[in-house]
């Protein structure tokens, strides 16, 4: 993670497990995980049903270090 006190307390393995769990819950596919200052940017596509059938919808979420810490505690 980026050089900050909050980032140093996080380890990649646990962060990626937490991101994977979030991606599964939101049914995201074609993921892009980008480390940015202050956290992680997660982008993916979700299959969403509508009256016209199913559509792939792009979703983007910015996860702060605090968000990641909370997600890791919930693993």
Protein backbone atom coordinates (compact mmCIF):
# COMPACT_ATOMS: atom_id res chain seq x y z
CA UNK A 1 0.00 0.00 0.00
CA UNK A 2 1.01 3.62 -0.36
CA UNK A 3 3.39 5.03 2.28
CA UNK A 4 1.01 6.11 5.04
CA UNK A 5 0.59 4.87 8.62
CA UNK A 6 -2.87 3.44 7.88
CA UNK A 7 -1.62 1.66 4.78
CA UNK A 8 1.33 0.06 6.58
CA UNK A 9 -1.03 -1.80 8.91
CA UNK A 10 -2.79 -3.51 5.99
CA UNK A 11 -1.37 -6.54 4.22
CA UNK A 12 -2.11 -7.32 0.60
CA UNK A 13 -3.35 -10.86 1.18
CA UNK A 14 -6.08 -9.78 3.60
CA UNK A 15 -6.97 -6.71 1.49
CA UNK A 16 -7.41 -8.87 -1.60
CA UNK A 17 -9.51 -11.40 0.34
CA UNK A 18 -11.79 -8.58 1.50
CA UNK A 19 -12.04 -7.13 -2.01
CA UNK A 20 -12.81 -10.59 -3.40
CA UNK A 21 -15.62 -11.05 -0.90
CA UNK A 22 -17.09 -7.65 -1.82
CA UNK A 23 -16.85 -8.49 -5.53
CA UNK A 24 -18.69 -11.78 -4.96
CA UNK A 25 -21.43 -10.10 -2.90
CA UNK A 26 -21.96 -7.49 -5.62
CA UNK A 27 -21.56 -10.12 -8.37
CA UNK A 28 -18.80 -8.13 -10.06
CA UNK A 29 -16.80 -9.56 -12.95
CA UNK A 30 -13.98 -8.24 -15.14
CA UNK A 31 -12.37 -6.61 -12.11
CA UNK A 32 -9.76 -3.90 -12.02
CA UNK A 33 -8.14 -3.19 -8.65
CA UNK A 34 -5.99 -0.08 -8.51
CA UNK A 35 -4.07 1.10 -5.49
CA UNK A 36 -4.47 4.85 -5.05
CA UNK A 37 -3.41 7.29 -2.39
CA UNK A 38 -5.71 6.74 0.56
CA UNK A 39 -7.03 3.32 -0.46
CA UNK A 40 -8.08 1.19 -3.41
CA UNK A 41 -10.22 1.81 -6.47
CA UNK A 42 -12.34 -1.20 -7.45
CA UNK A 43 -14.01 -1.31 -10.83
CA UNK A 44 -16.00 -4.12 -12.35
CA UNK A 45 -19.08 -5.09 -14.30
CA UNK A 46 -22.22 -6.57 -12.79
CA UNK A 47 -24.98 -8.48 -14.54
CA UNK A 48 -28.22 -6.69 -13.71
CA UNK A 49 -31.70 -7.85 -14.67
CA UNK A 50 -34.22 -5.41 -16.11
CA UNK A 51 -37.53 -5.58 -17.95
CA UNK A 52 -35.59 -5.89 -21.20
CA UNK A 53 -33.44 -8.78 -19.98
CA UNK A 54 -29.94 -8.69 -18.55
CA UNK A 55 -27.40 -5.91 -18.93
CA UNK A 56 -23.80 -5.52 -17.89
CA UNK A 57 -23.43 -2.39 -15.75
CA UNK A 58 -20.08 -0.84 -14.86
CA UNK A 59 -19.59 -0.15 -11.17
CA UNK A 60 -16.77 1.76 -9.49
CA UNK A 61 -16.10 1.97 -5.77
CA UNK A 62 -13.37 3.77 -3.87
CA UNK A 63 -12.40 1.96 -0.68
CA UNK A 64 -10.51 4.00 1.92
CA UNK A 65 -8.01 2.44 4.31
CA UNK A 66 -10.70 2.65 7.00
CA UNK A 67 -13.16 0.83 4.71
CA UNK A 68 -10.58 -1.87 4.05
CA UNK A 69 -9.80 -2.29 7.76
CA UNK A 70 -13.51 -2.76 8.48
CA UNK A 71 -13.90 -5.25 5.64
CA UNK A 72 -10.91 -7.24 6.91
CA UNK A 73 -12.40 -7.39 10.42
CA UNK A 74 -15.57 -8.87 8.88
CA UNK A 75 -13.70 -11.70 7.12
